[in-house]
Amino acid sequence: MPGTSVNEYGQPIYTETSASYQCRFFKKDKFRQSGVLISSDIPHLVVPLSVMLPSDVDIKKEDRISTTTEGYAGDYTVFDIIPIYGRAAIHHYVANIVKVEP
């Protein structure tokens, strides 16, 4: 997952960090968690791909996730993060992701 800091000119400096976590990929219920994408004046139903991550993961928008999981292999960019709370603390995160095209 890339991290960022800023140089003396205010430009981001990208760094690479890597960690392995168990996660679960899934598509959200298309009737409750979907959006509408308008492309070429034709509306399309969009069902984002999501990944469930443990609560000890340090993740931010625009981080990159790489996986070799069957059916999901490739690189993804995080565009939204939703913390899921248990009784007293964050239980896990759900990150909405989009595949990075080669």
N, C-alpha and C. Protein backbone atom coordinates (compact mmCIF):
# COMPACT_ATOMS: atom_id res chain seq x y z
N MET A 1 0.85 -1.18 0.00
CA MET A 1 0.00 0.00 0.00
C MET A 1 0.90 1.24 0.00
N PRO A 2 0.65 2.16 -0.92
CA PRO A 2 1.51 3.34 -0.95
C PRO A 2 1.19 4.30 0.19
N GLY A 3 2.22 4.93 0.72
CA GLY A 3 2.05 5.98 1.72
C GLY A 3 2.55 7.27 1.11
N THR A 4 2.15 8.41 1.65
CA THR A 4 2.59 9.67 1.07
C THR A 4 3.11 10.60 2.14
N SER A 5 4.07 11.42 1.74
CA SER A 5 4.52 12.56 2.53
C SER A 5 4.71 13.68 1.52
N VAL A 6 5.11 14.85 1.97
CA VAL A 6 5.19 16.00 1.08
C VAL A 6 6.61 16.56 1.10
N ASN A 7 7.13 16.93 -0.08
CA ASN A 7 8.46 17.54 -0.14
C ASN A 7 8.38 19.04 0.13
N GLU A 8 9.51 19.75 0.04
CA GLU A 8 9.53 21.19 0.36
C GLU A 8 8.70 22.03 -0.59
N TYR A 9 8.29 21.47 -1.74
CA TYR A 9 7.46 22.20 -2.71
C TYR A 9 5.98 21.86 -2.58
N GLY A 10 5.66 21.03 -1.61
CA GLY A 10 4.26 20.65 -1.40
C GLY A 10 3.80 19.52 -2.29
N GLN A 11 4.71 18.88 -3.01
CA GLN A 11 4.35 17.78 -3.88
C GLN A 11 4.44 16.47 -3.11
N PRO A 12 3.53 15.53 -3.38
CA PRO A 12 3.57 14.26 -2.64
C PRO A 12 4.79 13.43 -3.00
N ILE A 13 5.33 12.77 -1.99
CA ILE A 13 6.41 11.80 -2.17
C ILE A 13 5.80 10.44 -1.86
N TYR A 14 5.80 9.57 -2.84
CA TYR A 14 5.18 8.26 -2.67
C TYR A 14 6.19 7.24 -2.18
N THR A 15 5.75 6.42 -1.25
CA THR A 15 6.59 5.33 -0.74
C THR A 15 5.78 4.04 -0.82
N GLU A 16 6.48 2.94 -0.89
CA GLU A 16 5.82 1.64 -0.94
C GLU A 16 5.95 0.97 0.41
N THR A 17 4.84 0.46 0.91
CA THR A 17 4.86 -0.39 2.09
C THR A 17 4.07 -1.63 1.72
N SER A 18 4.40 -2.72 2.33
CA SER A 18 3.75 -3.97 1.98
C SER A 18 3.45 -4.75 3.24
N ALA A 19 2.28 -5.35 3.30
CA ALA A 19 1.89 -6.20 4.41
C ALA A 19 0.88 -7.21 3.90
N SER A 20 0.82 -8.35 4.50
CA SER A 20 -0.12 -9.39 4.11
C SER A 20 -1.22 -9.50 5.17
N TYR A 21 -2.45 -9.50 4.71
CA TYR A 21 -3.60 -9.65 5.60
C TYR A 21 -4.58 -10.61 4.96
N GLN A 22 -5.31 -11.32 5.80
CA GLN A 22 -6.40 -12.12 5.27
C GLN A 22 -7.56 -11.17 5.00
N CYS A 23 -8.21 -11.36 3.87
CA CYS A 23 -9.32 -10.48 3.52
C CYS A 23 -10.35 -11.27 2.75
N ARG A 24 -11.49 -10.66 2.54
CA ARG A 24 -12.59 -11.31 1.82
C ARG A 24 -13.13 -10.33 0.79
N PHE A 25 -13.12 -10.73 -0.48
CA PHE A 25 -13.66 -9.91 -1.55
C PHE A 25 -15.13 -10.26 -1.75
N PHE A 26 -15.95 -9.24 -2.06
CA PHE A 26 -17.37 -9.48 -2.30
C PHE A 26 -17.98 -8.31 -3.04
N LYS A 27 -19.12 -8.57 -3.67
CA LYS A 27 -19.90 -7.49 -4.29
C LYS A 27 -21.08 -7.21 -3.37
N LYS A 28 -21.37 -5.93 -3.19
CA LYS A 28 -22.47 -5.56 -2.31
C LYS A 28 -23.81 -5.89 -2.96
N ASP A 29 -24.81 -5.98 -2.13
CA ASP A 29 -26.18 -6.23 -2.61
C ASP A 29 -26.55 -5.13 -3.59
N LYS A 30 -26.81 -5.49 -4.82
CA LYS A 30 -27.03 -4.50 -5.86
C LYS A 30 -28.27 -3.63 -5.65
N PHE A 31 -29.20 -4.07 -4.82
CA PHE A 31 -30.42 -3.28 -4.62
C PHE A 31 -30.30 -2.30 -3.46
N ARG A 32 -29.34 -2.53 -2.53
CA ARG A 32 -29.21 -1.64 -1.39
C ARG A 32 -27.99 -0.74 -1.46
N GLN A 33 -26.91 -1.18 -2.09
CA GLN A 33 -25.65 -0.46 -2.02
C GLN A 33 -25.14 -0.04 -3.40
N SER A 34 -26.00 0.17 -4.35
CA SER A 34 -25.54 0.49 -5.69
C SER A 34 -25.65 1.97 -5.97
N GLY A 35 -25.01 2.37 -7.03
CA GLY A 35 -25.10 3.74 -7.51
C GLY A 35 -25.46 3.70 -8.98
N VAL A 36 -25.66 4.84 -9.56
CA VAL A 36 -25.98 4.90 -10.98
C VAL A 36 -24.87 5.66 -11.68
N LEU A 37 -24.30 5.04 -12.69
CA LEU A 37 -23.25 5.66 -13.50
C LEU A 37 -23.87 6.03 -14.83
N ILE A 38 -23.69 7.27 -15.25
CA ILE A 38 -24.22 7.69 -16.54
C ILE A 38 -23.06 7.81 -17.51
N SER A 39 -23.07 6.96 -18.52
CA SER A 39 -22.02 6.93 -19.52
C SER A 39 -22.69 6.99 -20.89
N SER A 40 -22.28 7.93 -21.70
CA SER A 40 -22.88 8.11 -23.04
C SER A 40 -24.39 8.33 -22.93
N ASP A 41 -24.81 9.07 -21.91
CA ASP A 41 -26.22 9.40 -21.68
C ASP A 41 -27.11 8.19 -21.40
N ILE A 42 -26.51 7.04 -21.05
CA ILE A 42 -27.28 5.85 -20.71
C ILE A 42 -26.96 5.47 -19.27
N PRO A 43 -27.94 5.48 -18.37
CA PRO A 43 -27.64 5.11 -16.97
C PRO A 43 -27.38 3.61 -16.85
N HIS A 44 -26.40 3.25 -16.00
CA HIS A 44 -26.05 1.86 -15.72
C HIS A 44 -26.02 1.67 -14.21
N LEU A 45 -26.47 0.51 -13.78
CA LEU A 45 -26.38 0.17 -12.37
C LEU A 45 -24.94 -0.24 -12.06
N VAL A 46 -24.36 0.35 -11.02
CA VAL A 46 -22.98 0.05 -10.64
C VAL A 46 -22.99 -0.67 -9.30
N VAL A 47 -22.39 -1.84 -9.25
CA VAL A 47 -22.26 -2.59 -8.02
C VAL A 47 -20.77 -2.66 -7.69
N PRO A 48 -20.31 -1.88 -6.70
CA PRO A 48 -18.87 -1.85 -6.43
C PRO A 48 -18.35 -3.16 -5.86
N LEU A 49 -17.10 -3.44 -6.18
CA LEU A 49 -16.41 -4.56 -5.57
C LEU A 49 -15.86 -4.07 -4.23
N SER A 50 -15.97 -4.90 -3.23
CA SER A 50 -15.51 -4.52 -1.89
C SER A 50 -14.61 -5.60 -1.34
N VAL A 51 -13.82 -5.20 -0.33
CA VAL A 51 -12.98 -6.14 0.38
C VAL A 51 -13.13 -5.88 1.87
N MET A 52 -13.26 -6.96 2.64
CA MET A 52 -13.38 -6.86 4.09
C MET A 52 -11.99 -7.07 4.68
N LEU A 53 -11.55 -6.13 5.52
CA LEU A 53 -10.21 -6.16 6.10
C LEU A 53 -10.28 -6.12 7.62
N PRO A 54 -9.32 -6.73 8.31
CA PRO A 54 -9.33 -6.70 9.78
C PRO A 54 -9.13 -5.30 10.33
N SER A 55 -9.50 -5.11 11.57
CA SER A 55 -9.47 -3.78 12.19
C SER A 55 -8.05 -3.25 12.41
N ASP A 56 -7.04 -4.10 12.40
CA ASP A 56 -5.68 -3.62 12.62
C ASP A 56 -4.98 -3.16 11.34
N VAL A 57 -5.69 -3.13 10.23
CA VAL A 57 -5.12 -2.67 8.96
C VAL A 57 -5.13 -1.15 8.92
N ASP A 58 -4.01 -0.56 8.51
CA ASP A 58 -3.92 0.89 8.32
C ASP A 58 -4.16 1.15 6.84
N ILE A 59 -5.37 1.57 6.48
CA ILE A 59 -5.72 1.75 5.07
C ILE A 59 -6.33 3.13 4.86
N LYS A 60 -6.04 3.71 3.69
CA LYS A 60 -6.55 5.03 3.34
C LYS A 60 -7.07 5.01 1.90
N LYS A 61 -7.86 6.02 1.57
CA LYS A 61 -8.30 6.17 0.19
C LYS A 61 -7.07 6.30 -0.70
N GLU A 62 -7.17 5.76 -1.88
CA GLU A 62 -6.12 5.76 -2.90
C GLU A 62 -5.00 4.77 -2.62
N ASP A 63 -5.07 4.01 -1.51
CA ASP A 63 -4.11 2.93 -1.30
C ASP A 63 -4.35 1.86 -2.36
N ARG A 64 -3.32 1.08 -2.64
CA ARG A 64 -3.43 0.02 -3.63
C ARG A 64 -3.39 -1.33 -2.93
N ILE A 65 -4.28 -2.22 -3.35
CA ILE A 65 -4.35 -3.58 -2.82
C ILE A 65 -4.03 -4.53 -3.97
N SER A 66 -3.11 -5.47 -3.72
CA SER A 66 -2.77 -6.49 -4.70
C SER A 66 -3.19 -7.84 -4.14
N THR A 67 -3.74 -8.70 -5.00
CA THR A 67 -4.18 -10.01 -4.55
C THR A 67 -3.96 -11.06 -5.63
N THR A 68 -3.82 -12.29 -5.18
CA THR A 68 -3.76 -13.43 -6.08
C THR A 68 -4.97 -14.34 -5.86
N THR A 69 -5.95 -13.86 -5.09
CA THR A 69 -7.15 -14.63 -4.81
C THR A 69 -7.87 -14.99 -6.11
N GLU A 70 -8.21 -16.26 -6.25
CA GLU A 70 -8.86 -16.74 -7.46
C GLU A 70 -10.15 -15.95 -7.74
N GLY A 71 -10.28 -15.50 -8.95
CA GLY A 71 -11.45 -14.72 -9.36
C GLY A 71 -11.29 -13.22 -9.14
N TYR A 72 -10.29 -12.81 -8.35
CA TYR A 72 -10.07 -11.40 -8.05
C TYR A 72 -8.62 -10.97 -8.28
N ALA A 73 -7.79 -11.84 -8.82
CA ALA A 73 -6.36 -11.56 -8.96
C ALA A 73 -6.12 -10.24 -9.69
N GLY A 74 -5.20 -9.44 -9.15
CA GLY A 74 -4.85 -8.18 -9.77
C GLY A 74 -4.61 -7.09 -8.74
N ASP A 75 -4.55 -5.87 -9.24
CA ASP A 75 -4.33 -4.69 -8.40
C ASP A 75 -5.59 -3.84 -8.37
N TYR A 76 -5.87 -3.29 -7.19
CA TYR A 76 -7.07 -2.47 -6.98
C TYR A 76 -6.70 -1.19 -6.24
N THR A 77 -7.48 -0.14 -6.47
CA THR A 77 -7.32 1.11 -5.74
C THR A 77 -8.53 1.31 -4.84
N VAL A 78 -8.28 1.73 -3.59
CA VAL A 78 -9.35 1.97 -2.63
C VAL A 78 -9.96 3.35 -2.89
N PHE A 79 -11.31 3.43 -3.03
CA PHE A 79 -11.94 4.73 -3.20
C PHE A 79 -12.90 5.08 -2.08
N ASP A 80 -13.17 4.15 -1.18
CA ASP A 80 -14.04 4.45 -0.04
C ASP A 80 -13.76 3.43 1.05
N ILE A 81 -13.78 3.86 2.31
CA ILE A 81 -13.53 2.97 3.45
C ILE A 81 -14.64 3.16 4.47
N ILE A 82 -15.21 2.05 4.89
CA ILE A 82 -16.31 2.09 5.86
C ILE A 82 -15.90 1.28 7.09
N PRO A 83 -15.74 1.92 8.25
CA PRO A 83 -15.45 1.15 9.46
C PRO A 83 -16.73 0.47 9.95
N ILE A 84 -16.62 -0.79 10.32
CA ILE A 84 -17.76 -1.55 10.87
C ILE A 84 -17.48 -1.76 12.35
N TYR A 85 -18.36 -1.24 13.18
CA TYR A 85 -18.14 -1.26 14.63
C TYR A 85 -18.76 -2.48 15.29
N GLY A 86 -18.04 -3.00 16.29
CA GLY A 86 -18.56 -4.03 17.17
C GLY A 86 -19.15 -3.33 18.38
N ARG A 87 -19.18 -4.00 19.52
CA ARG A 87 -19.76 -3.39 20.72
C ARG A 87 -18.96 -2.21 21.24
N ALA A 88 -17.63 -2.30 21.20
CA ALA A 88 -16.82 -1.24 21.82
C ALA A 88 -15.79 -0.62 20.89
N ALA A 89 -15.55 -1.22 19.76
CA ALA A 89 -14.48 -0.72 18.88
C ALA A 89 -14.75 -1.14 17.44
N ILE A 90 -13.86 -0.74 16.56
CA ILE A 90 -13.99 -1.15 15.16
C ILE A 90 -13.72 -2.65 15.06
N HIS A 91 -14.64 -3.37 14.45
CA HIS A 91 -14.51 -4.81 14.28
C HIS A 91 -13.73 -5.14 13.00
N HIS A 92 -14.06 -4.43 11.90
CA HIS A 92 -13.35 -4.60 10.63
C HIS A 92 -13.66 -3.41 9.73
N TYR A 93 -13.02 -3.38 8.57
CA TYR A 93 -13.27 -2.33 7.58
C TYR A 93 -13.82 -2.98 6.31
N VAL A 94 -14.67 -2.24 5.63
CA VAL A 94 -15.10 -2.61 4.28
C VAL A 94 -14.56 -1.51 3.37
N ALA A 95 -13.72 -1.90 2.43
CA ALA A 95 -13.14 -0.95 1.49
C ALA A 95 -13.74 -1.20 0.11
N ASN A 96 -14.30 -0.15 -0.50
CA ASN A 96 -14.78 -0.25 -1.87
C ASN A 96 -13.59 -0.01 -2.77
N ILE A 97 -13.43 -0.86 -3.77
CA ILE A 97 -12.23 -0.83 -4.60
C ILE A 97 -12.58 -0.86 -6.08
N VAL A 98 -11.64 -0.41 -6.89
CA VAL A 98 -11.78 -0.45 -8.34
C VAL A 98 -10.50 -1.05 -8.91
N LYS A 99 -10.65 -1.92 -9.91
CA LYS A 99 -9.49 -2.59 -10.50
C LYS A 99 -8.63 -1.60 -11.26
N VAL A 100 -7.33 -1.70 -11.09
CA VAL A 100 -6.37 -0.86 -11.81
C VAL A 100 -6.11 -1.55 -13.15
N GLU A 101 -6.36 -0.84 -14.22
CA GLU A 101 -6.12 -1.39 -15.55
C GLU A 101 -4.64 -1.32 -15.88
N PRO A 102 -4.10 -2.41 -16.45
CA PRO A 102 -2.66 -2.42 -16.78
C PRO A 102 -2.28 -1.44 -17.85
